[in-house]
C-alpha atoms as a PDB file:
ATOM      1  CA  MET A   1      82.255 133.412  43.782  1.00  0.00           C
ATOM      2  CA  ASP A   2      83.430 130.858  41.213  1.00  0.00           C
ATOM      3  CA  VAL A   3      85.642 128.056  41.490  1.00  0.00           C
ATOM      4  CA  PHE A   4      88.845 130.180  40.453  1.00  0.00           C
ATOM      5  CA  ASN A   5      88.081 132.542  43.311  1.00  0.00           C
ATOM      6  CA  ALA A   6      87.657 129.670  45.764  1.00  0.00           C
ATOM      7  CA  ILE A   7      91.044 128.178  44.679  1.00  0.00           C
ATOM      8  CA  SER A   8      92.675 131.448  44.800  1.00  0.00           C
ATOM      9  CA  GLN A   9      91.373 132.188  48.385  1.00  0.00           C
ATOM     10  CA  ARG A  10      92.206 128.570  49.737  1.00  0.00           C
ATOM     11  CA  TYR A  11      94.352 128.346  52.739  1.00  0.00           C
ATOM     12  CA  SER A  12      95.784 125.583  55.024  1.00  0.00           C
ATOM     13  CA  VAL A  13      93.717 125.106  58.101  1.00  0.00           C
ATOM     14  CA  ARG A  14      96.048 124.379  61.202  1.00  0.00           C
ATOM     15  CA  ALA A  15      93.449 124.841  63.899  1.00  0.00           C
ATOM     16  CA  TYR A  16      90.197 123.081  64.000  1.00  0.00           C
ATOM     17  CA  LYS A  17      86.892 123.304  66.082  1.00  0.00           C
ATOM     18  CA  THR A  18      86.179 120.611  68.606  1.00  0.00           C
ATOM     19  CA  MET A  19      82.907 119.566  66.709  1.00  0.00           C
ATOM     20  CA  ASP A  20      82.171 116.376  64.773  1.00  0.00           C
ATOM     21  CA  VAL A  21      81.764 116.355  60.958  1.00  0.00           C
ATOM     22  CA  GLU A  22      78.318 115.568  60.060  1.00  0.00           C
ATOM     23  CA  GLU A  23      77.992 112.191  58.484  1.00  0.00           C
ATOM     24  CA  ASP A  24      76.225 113.543  55.391  1.00  0.00           C
ATOM     25  CA  LYS A  25      78.924 115.945  54.743  1.00  0.00           C
ATOM     26  CA  LEU A  26      81.814 113.260  55.221  1.00  0.00           C
ATOM     27  CA  LYS A  27      79.582 110.906  52.716  1.00  0.00           C
ATOM     28  CA  LYS A  28      79.435 113.787  50.247  1.00  0.00           C
ATOM     29  CA  VAL A  29      83.249 114.317  50.408  1.00  0.00           C
ATOM     30  CA  LEU A  30      83.809 110.543  49.886  1.00  0.00           C
ATOM     31  CA  GLU A  31      81.186 110.383  47.082  1.00  0.00           C
ATOM     32  CA  ALA A  32      83.182 113.282  45.240  1.00  0.00           C
ATOM     33  CA  ALA A  33      86.286 110.985  45.312  1.00  0.00           C
ATOM     34  CA  ARG A  34      84.180 107.912  44.046  1.00  0.00           C
ATOM     35  CA  LEU A  35      82.928 110.047  41.223  1.00  0.00           C
ATOM     36  CA  SER A  36      86.485 111.324  40.138  1.00  0.00           C
ATOM     37  CA  PRO A  37      87.872 109.998  36.847  1.00  0.00           C
ATOM     38  CA  SER A  38      90.408 107.215  36.969  1.00  0.00           C
ATOM     39  CA  ALA A  39      92.292 105.278  34.344  1.00  0.00           C
ATOM     40  CA  SER A  40      90.055 102.762  32.609  1.00  0.00           C
ATOM     41  CA  ASN A  41      87.652 103.497  35.695  1.00  0.00           C
ATOM     42  CA  ARG A  42      89.835 101.180  37.910  1.00  0.00           C
ATOM     43  CA  GLN A  43      89.338 103.354  40.855  1.00  0.00           C
ATOM     44  CA  GLU A  44      92.739 102.109  42.450  1.00  0.00           C
ATOM     45  CA  TRP A  45      92.157 103.804  45.794  1.00  0.00           C
ATOM     46  CA  LYS A  46      91.017 103.131  49.213  1.00  0.00           C
ATOM     47  CA  PHE A  47      90.094 105.846  51.668  1.00  0.00           C
ATOM     48  CA  ILE A  48      90.400 105.352  55.510  1.00  0.00           C
ATOM     49  CA  VAL A  49      88.316 107.542  57.678  1.00  0.00           C
ATOM     50  CA  VAL A  50      89.827 107.919  61.159  1.00  0.00           C
ATOM     51  CA  ARG A  51      88.075 109.523  64.257  1.00  0.00           C
ATOM     52  CA  ASN A  52      89.744 107.636  66.878  1.00  0.00           C
ATOM     53  CA  LYS A  53      91.936 110.065  69.054  1.00  0.00           C
ATOM     54  CA  GLU A  54      94.841 107.539  69.632  1.00  0.00           C
ATOM     55  CA  THR A  55      95.027 106.640  65.956  1.00  0.00           C
ATOM     56  CA  LYS A  56      95.029 110.467  64.901  1.00  0.00           C
ATOM     57  CA  ARG A  57      97.886 111.159  67.543  1.00  0.00           C
ATOM     58  CA  LYS A  58      99.942 108.135  65.849  1.00  0.00           C
ATOM     59  CA  LEU A  59      99.235 109.644  62.279  1.00  0.00           C
ATOM     60  CA  ALA A  60     100.273 113.044  63.678  1.00  0.00           C
ATOM     61  CA  LYS A  61     103.648 111.478  64.825  1.00  0.00           C
ATOM     62  CA  ALA A  62     103.950 109.640  61.659  1.00  0.00           C
ATOM     63  CA  ALA A  63     103.456 113.038  59.690  1.00  0.00           C
ATOM     64  CA  PHE A  64     106.743 114.197  60.898  1.00  0.00           C
ATOM     65  CA  GLY A  65     105.055 115.508  64.160  1.00  0.00           C
ATOM     66  CA  GLN A  66     102.519 117.691  62.511  1.00  0.00           C
ATOM     67  CA  SER A  67     100.367 117.926  65.754  1.00  0.00           C
ATOM     68  CA  PHE A  68      97.380 119.514  63.773  1.00  0.00           C
ATOM     69  CA  VAL A  69      96.954 116.257  61.975  1.00  0.00           C
ATOM     70  CA  GLY A  70      95.811 114.638  65.282  1.00  0.00           C
ATOM     71  CA  GLU A  71      93.701 117.640  66.211  1.00  0.00           C
ATOM     72  CA  ALA A  72      91.464 117.312  63.301  1.00  0.00           C
ATOM     73  CA  PRO A  73      87.956 115.830  64.015  1.00  0.00           C
ATOM     74  CA  VAL A  74      88.297 113.497  61.150  1.00  0.00           C
ATOM     75  CA  VAL A  75      91.245 112.302  59.124  1.00  0.00           C
ATOM     76  CA  ILE A  76      90.841 110.780  55.707  1.00  0.00           C
ATOM     77  CA  ILE A  77      93.896 108.653  54.581  1.00  0.00           C
ATOM     78  CA  ALA A  78      93.925 108.229  50.647  1.00  0.00           C
ATOM     79  CA  CYS A  79      95.808 105.082  49.548  1.00  0.00           C
ATOM     80  CA  GLY A  80      96.663 104.219  46.002  1.00  0.00           C
ATOM     81  CA  THR A  81      96.193 100.549  45.452  1.00  0.00           C
ATOM     82  CA  GLU A  82      99.057  99.745  43.049  1.00  0.00           C
ATOM     83  CA  SER A  83      98.626  98.018  39.793  1.00  0.00           C
ATOM     84  CA  LYS A  84     100.803  97.249  36.758  1.00  0.00           C
ATOM     85  CA  ALA A  85      99.136  99.985  34.661  1.00  0.00           C
ATOM     86  CA  ILE A  86     101.325 102.809  33.480  1.00  0.00           C
ATOM     87  CA  MET A  87     100.490 105.974  31.765  1.00  0.00           C
ATOM     88  CA  GLY A  88     102.213 106.912  28.452  1.00  0.00           C
ATOM     89  CA  CYS A  89     104.659 109.345  30.503  1.00  0.00           C
ATOM     90  CA  GLY A  90     105.676 106.291  32.681  1.00  0.00           C
ATOM     91  CA  GLN A  91     103.690 107.343  35.761  1.00  0.00           C
ATOM     92  CA  PRO A  92     101.806 104.586  37.513  1.00  0.00           C
ATOM     93  CA  THR A  93      98.150 105.141  36.972  1.00  0.00           C
ATOM     94  CA  HIS A  94      97.124 104.631  40.662  1.00  0.00           C
ATOM     95  CA  THR A  95      99.290 107.758  41.745  1.00  0.00           C
ATOM     96  CA  VAL A  96      97.639 110.008  39.441  1.00  0.00           C
ATOM     97  CA  ASP A  97      94.119 108.503  40.001  1.00  0.00           C
ATOM     98  CA  VAL A  98      94.367 109.014  43.975  1.00  0.00           C
ATOM     99  CA  SER A  99      95.658 112.515  43.421  1.00  0.00           C
ATOM    100  CA  ILE A 100      92.626 113.428  41.252  1.00  0.00           C
ATOM    101  CA  ALA A 101      90.302 111.894  43.770  1.00  0.00           C
ATOM    102  CA  CYS A 102      91.805 113.974  46.618  1.00  0.00           C
ATOM    103  CA  ALA A 103      91.384 117.014  44.431  1.00  0.00           C
ATOM    104  CA  PHE A 104      87.763 116.341  43.939  1.00  0.00           C
ATOM    105  CA  MET A 105      87.366 116.034  47.674  1.00  0.00           C
ATOM    106  CA  ILE A 106      88.910 119.292  48.151  1.00  0.00           C
ATOM    107  CA  LEU A 107      86.700 120.755  45.547  1.00  0.00           C
ATOM    108  CA  ILE A 108      83.586 119.499  47.243  1.00  0.00           C
ATOM    109  CA  CYS A 109      84.774 120.705  50.569  1.00  0.00           C
ATOM    110  CA  LEU A 110      85.497 124.353  48.955  1.00  0.00           C
ATOM    111  CA  LEU A 111      81.920 124.362  47.491  1.00  0.00           C
ATOM    112  CA  MET A 112      80.534 123.393  50.900  1.00  0.00           C
ATOM    113  CA  LEU A 113      82.409 126.218  52.636  1.00  0.00           C
ATOM    114  CA  PHE A 114      81.378 128.516  49.876  1.00  0.00           C
ATOM    115  CA  LEU A 115      77.584 127.620  50.625  1.00  0.00           C
ATOM    116  CA  ILE A 116      77.917 128.329  54.256  1.00  0.00           C
ATOM    117  CA  PHE A 117      79.158 131.761  53.722  1.00  0.00           C
ATOM    118  CA  VAL A 118      76.765 132.885  50.924  1.00  0.00           C
END
């Protein structure tokens, strides 16, 4: 399988196993975000890792009642730290940078899933 196949076979998970995410895998996902490109290497982002059940329940409510958010074993909140830097197209750089970091996290998750099923 190549990256295009992994992307084309991607799907949204709405049911999770009741097991913890291994710390090394979580660190690998966060490291993928850290290594992602950003405007002038500003890395205008923060990631909040949430494992607390009550906090996840509140997040699910804040996400328009999407209960599956609260059922995930770990929730990573991606926050752009706003700056005054603007891209040539008029878009603030932090919004693009945090999006790229999230894409890198998704790609490493796809790769880890691929390695499980090979």
